[in-house]
Amino acid sequence: MELAHYSDYAVRLVNTEEPARNKDSLTSVAAVRDLFGVSAQAARRATDADVTRFRSVRARLRAVFAAADAGDETQAVDLLNSLLLEFPVNPQISGHDYRDEDGRPKWHMHLAEHPSNATAGYAAIAAMGLAFHLTEYGVDRLGLCQAAPCRNAYLDTSTNRSRRYCSDRCATRANVAAYRARKRLETERSDSTGLTAENAQAATPRTDR
């Protein structure tokens, strides 16, 4: 089923916070509503109370990514299962968005919005989307950016499972930092070697006198 794309809901929510930089953009109802994207109906249900509730769900989703990033598959699955139990989804067959050449609906599975409150609806979709992504592609496809201090969540869709950064910007920044570190090490080694050679030459008795 084409439901793994709902995992983007989880990534969007987790990345509203940058703990290492002490930044948090999830501070208002407007910020909560922005997370829903085109789902305007669900966004309209958001209230001030959802800001705190969204932050709680965000922490739990980040814990899933952190466990996966650390290679603890069982912990990642257990944490995700607890979210799925608390925020169940309502799957429905939908065809309102797509039509074939004859104008008939292209039926597909859709995760219906939860009726109780904005947080429950968003959490249900995010958790189920992440569950589909995990089971279809593997736990190791969930990660946290290795470009410190970023640590944004990402979903690895590379063919060789090699992704380590949340964006090209972070990848470039990390590569530049690694290059500079290598150059500093080479310079330090060169200076150390040169100093050692000078010391050795100074300590060698001259025989031309």
Protein backbone atom coordinates (compact mmCIF):
# COMPACT_ATOMS: atom_id res chain seq x y z
CA MET A 1 0.00 0.00 0.00
CA GLU A 2 1.20 3.50 -0.79
CA LEU A 3 1.04 4.74 2.78
CA ALA A 4 4.72 5.12 3.63
CA HIS A 5 4.61 8.74 2.40
CA TYR A 6 2.63 9.59 5.54
CA SER A 7 5.93 9.16 7.41
CA ASP A 8 6.75 12.71 6.30
CA TYR A 9 4.31 13.83 8.99
CA ALA A 10 6.64 12.37 11.61
CA VAL A 11 9.73 14.01 10.11
CA ARG A 12 8.05 17.42 9.89
CA LEU A 13 7.01 17.31 13.53
CA VAL A 14 10.32 16.04 14.90
CA ASN A 15 12.24 18.70 13.01
CA THR A 16 10.33 21.58 14.55
CA GLU A 17 12.87 21.31 17.36
CA GLU A 18 16.67 21.52 17.31
CA PRO A 19 17.68 20.48 20.86
CA ALA A 20 21.40 21.06 20.41
CA ARG A 21 20.75 24.61 19.24
CA ASN A 22 18.02 25.21 21.85
CA LYS A 23 15.56 26.11 19.08
CA ASP A 24 11.87 25.28 18.96
CA SER A 25 9.50 26.56 16.27
CA LEU A 26 6.46 24.76 17.70
CA THR A 27 5.31 27.66 19.87
CA SER A 28 1.85 28.60 18.59
CA VAL A 29 -1.39 27.29 17.13
CA ALA A 30 -0.31 28.69 13.77
CA ALA A 31 2.83 26.54 13.89
CA VAL A 32 0.71 23.48 14.65
CA ARG A 33 -1.60 24.22 11.74
CA ASP A 34 1.33 24.67 9.36
CA LEU A 35 2.36 21.06 10.02
CA PHE A 36 -0.83 19.75 8.40
CA GLY A 37 0.06 21.21 5.03
CA VAL A 38 -2.86 20.93 2.62
CA SER A 39 -5.11 19.25 5.20
CA ALA A 40 -6.95 22.44 6.08
CA GLN A 41 -9.90 20.71 7.73
CA ALA A 42 -7.71 18.99 10.32
CA ALA A 43 -5.67 22.14 10.89
CA ARG A 44 -8.78 24.12 11.80
CA ARG A 45 -9.33 21.85 14.82
CA ALA A 46 -6.04 22.94 16.41
CA THR A 47 -6.25 24.89 19.67
CA ASP A 48 -3.77 26.25 22.21
CA ALA A 49 -3.89 22.93 24.06
CA ASP A 50 -2.50 21.17 20.99
CA VAL A 51 0.81 23.01 21.23
CA THR A 52 1.72 21.13 24.42
CA ARG A 53 0.24 17.86 23.17
CA PHE A 54 2.15 18.10 19.88
CA ARG A 55 5.40 18.64 21.78
CA SER A 56 4.77 15.48 23.78
CA VAL A 57 4.18 13.44 20.63
CA ARG A 58 7.25 15.04 19.06
CA ALA A 59 9.47 13.83 21.89
CA ARG A 60 8.16 10.29 21.48
CA LEU A 61 8.68 10.31 17.73
CA ARG A 62 12.22 11.64 18.14
CA ALA A 63 12.89 8.75 20.52
CA VAL A 64 11.91 6.35 17.72
CA PHE A 65 14.39 7.97 15.34
CA ALA A 66 17.09 8.05 18.04
CA ALA A 67 16.68 4.34 18.77
CA ALA A 68 16.79 3.48 15.06
CA ASP A 69 19.83 5.71 14.58
CA ALA A 70 21.58 3.91 17.45
CA GLY A 71 20.86 0.54 15.84
CA ASP A 72 18.37 -0.56 18.52
CA GLU A 73 15.64 -1.98 16.29
CA THR A 74 13.61 -3.54 19.10
CA GLN A 75 13.46 -0.28 21.05
CA ALA A 76 12.44 1.68 17.96
CA VAL A 77 9.65 -0.77 17.19
CA ASP A 78 8.44 -0.86 20.81
CA LEU A 79 8.28 2.93 20.99
CA LEU A 80 6.43 3.13 17.69
CA ASN A 81 4.00 0.40 18.72
CA SER A 82 3.10 2.36 21.86
CA LEU A 83 2.18 5.33 19.67
CA LEU A 84 0.12 3.14 17.36
CA LEU A 85 -1.83 1.75 20.32
CA GLU A 86 -2.50 5.19 21.76
CA PHE A 87 -3.34 6.83 18.43
CA PRO A 88 -5.14 4.33 16.19
CA VAL A 89 -5.90 5.24 12.59
CA ASN A 90 -9.06 4.97 10.54
CA PRO A 91 -8.12 3.59 7.11
CA GLN A 92 -10.56 4.31 4.31
CA ILE A 93 -10.81 3.66 0.60
CA SER A 94 -10.63 6.95 -1.24
CA GLY A 95 -10.84 8.07 -4.84
CA HIS A 96 -11.63 11.74 -4.63
CA ASP A 97 -8.22 12.98 -5.76
CA TYR A 98 -7.46 10.82 -8.79
CA ARG A 99 -9.35 9.98 -11.99
CA ASP A 100 -8.49 7.64 -14.84
CA GLU A 101 -8.94 8.42 -18.56
CA ASP A 102 -12.63 7.58 -18.35
CA GLY A 103 -13.17 9.83 -15.36
CA ARG A 104 -13.59 6.99 -12.90
CA PRO A 105 -12.00 7.24 -9.44
CA LYS A 106 -8.63 5.54 -8.91
CA TRP A 107 -9.34 3.87 -5.61
CA HIS A 108 -6.54 3.90 -3.05
CA MET A 109 -6.05 3.55 0.69
CA HIS A 110 -6.25 6.74 2.71
CA LEU A 111 -5.73 7.42 6.43
CA ALA A 112 -8.78 9.31 7.61
CA GLU A 113 -8.44 12.23 9.98
CA HIS A 114 -9.11 11.43 13.62
CA PRO A 115 -12.26 13.19 14.87
CA SER A 116 -11.29 13.89 18.51
CA ASN A 117 -8.60 16.59 18.30
CA ALA A 118 -5.80 17.86 16.09
CA THR A 119 -3.02 16.12 18.02
CA ALA A 120 -4.68 12.71 17.94
CA GLY A 121 -5.29 13.00 14.22
CA TYR A 122 -1.76 14.09 13.39
CA ALA A 123 -0.12 11.57 15.72
CA ALA A 124 -2.16 8.71 14.27
CA ILE A 125 -1.16 9.54 10.71
CA ALA A 126 2.49 10.19 11.60
CA ALA A 127 2.87 6.97 13.59
CA MET A 128 1.15 4.81 10.99
CA GLY A 129 3.13 6.38 8.16
CA LEU A 130 6.35 5.78 10.03
CA ALA A 131 5.29 2.19 10.75
CA PHE A 132 4.68 1.53 7.05
CA HIS A 133 8.03 3.08 6.14
CA LEU A 134 9.83 1.04 8.79
CA THR A 135 8.29 -2.28 7.81
CA GLU A 136 8.63 -1.69 4.07
CA TYR A 137 12.17 -0.30 3.96
CA GLY A 138 13.77 -1.29 7.28
CA VAL A 139 14.54 0.30 10.63
CA ASP A 140 17.95 1.44 9.39
CA ARG A 141 16.16 3.80 6.99
CA LEU A 142 15.29 6.05 9.95
CA GLY A 143 18.09 8.32 11.11
CA LEU A 144 19.25 11.53 12.74
CA CYS A 145 21.54 13.93 10.91
CA GLN A 146 25.23 13.33 11.64
CA ALA A 147 26.20 16.96 10.99
CA ALA A 148 26.44 18.21 14.57
CA PRO A 149 24.72 20.08 16.05
CA CYS A 150 21.83 19.52 13.61
CA ARG A 151 20.39 16.10 14.54
CA ASN A 152 17.29 16.56 12.38
CA ALA A 153 15.33 13.41 11.58
CA TYR A 154 15.38 12.00 8.07
CA LEU A 155 14.14 9.01 6.07
CA ASP A 156 16.81 7.30 4.01
CA THR A 157 15.53 6.59 0.50
CA SER A 158 18.96 6.10 -1.08
CA THR A 159 19.51 2.91 -3.07
CA ASN A 160 22.56 1.86 -1.05
CA ARG A 161 21.33 2.89 2.41
CA SER A 162 24.17 5.39 2.70
CA ARG A 163 22.38 8.55 3.80
CA ARG A 164 23.79 10.21 6.93
CA TYR A 165 22.53 13.77 6.69
CA CYS A 166 19.12 15.41 6.63
CA SER A 167 19.91 17.71 3.70
CA ASP A 168 22.50 18.56 1.06
CA ARG A 169 23.37 21.64 3.10
CA CYS A 170 24.30 19.56 6.14
CA ALA A 171 26.20 17.06 3.99
CA THR A 172 28.25 19.87 2.44
CA ARG A 173 28.92 21.45 5.84
CA ALA A 174 30.06 18.11 7.28
CA ASN A 175 32.31 17.39 4.30
CA VAL A 176 33.93 20.83 4.53
CA ALA A 177 34.48 20.38 8.27
CA ALA A 178 36.03 16.94 7.70
CA TYR A 179 38.30 18.32 4.96
CA ARG A 180 39.49 21.15 7.17
CA ALA A 181 40.13 18.73 10.03
CA ARG A 182 42.24 16.53 7.75
CA LYS A 183 44.23 19.54 6.54
CA ARG A 184 44.88 20.67 10.11
CA LEU A 185 46.07 17.18 11.04
CA GLU A 186 48.36 17.05 8.00
CA THR A 187 49.79 20.45 8.90
CA GLU A 188 50.36 19.43 12.50
CA ARG A 189 52.08 16.23 11.44
CA SER A 190 54.22 18.11 8.93
CA ASP A 191 55.23 20.70 11.52
CA SER A 192 55.97 17.99 14.05
CA THR A 193 58.06 16.00 11.58
CA GLY A 194 59.98 19.09 10.54
CA LEU A 195 60.67 20.07 14.14
CA THR A 196 61.86 16.57 14.95
CA ALA A 197 64.24 16.62 11.99
CA GLU A 198 65.67 19.98 13.07
CA ASN A 199 66.14 18.71 16.63
CA ALA A 200 67.89 15.61 15.37
CA GLN A 201 70.18 17.67 13.17
CA ALA A 202 71.04 20.01 16.02
CA ALA A 203 71.84 17.08 18.29
CA THR A 204 74.16 15.40 15.77
CA PRO A 205 77.86 16.22 16.39
CA ARG A 206 79.60 17.96 13.49
CA THR A 207 82.57 16.05 12.01
CA ASP A 208 83.85 18.74 9.64
CA ARG A 209 85.77 20.68 12.24
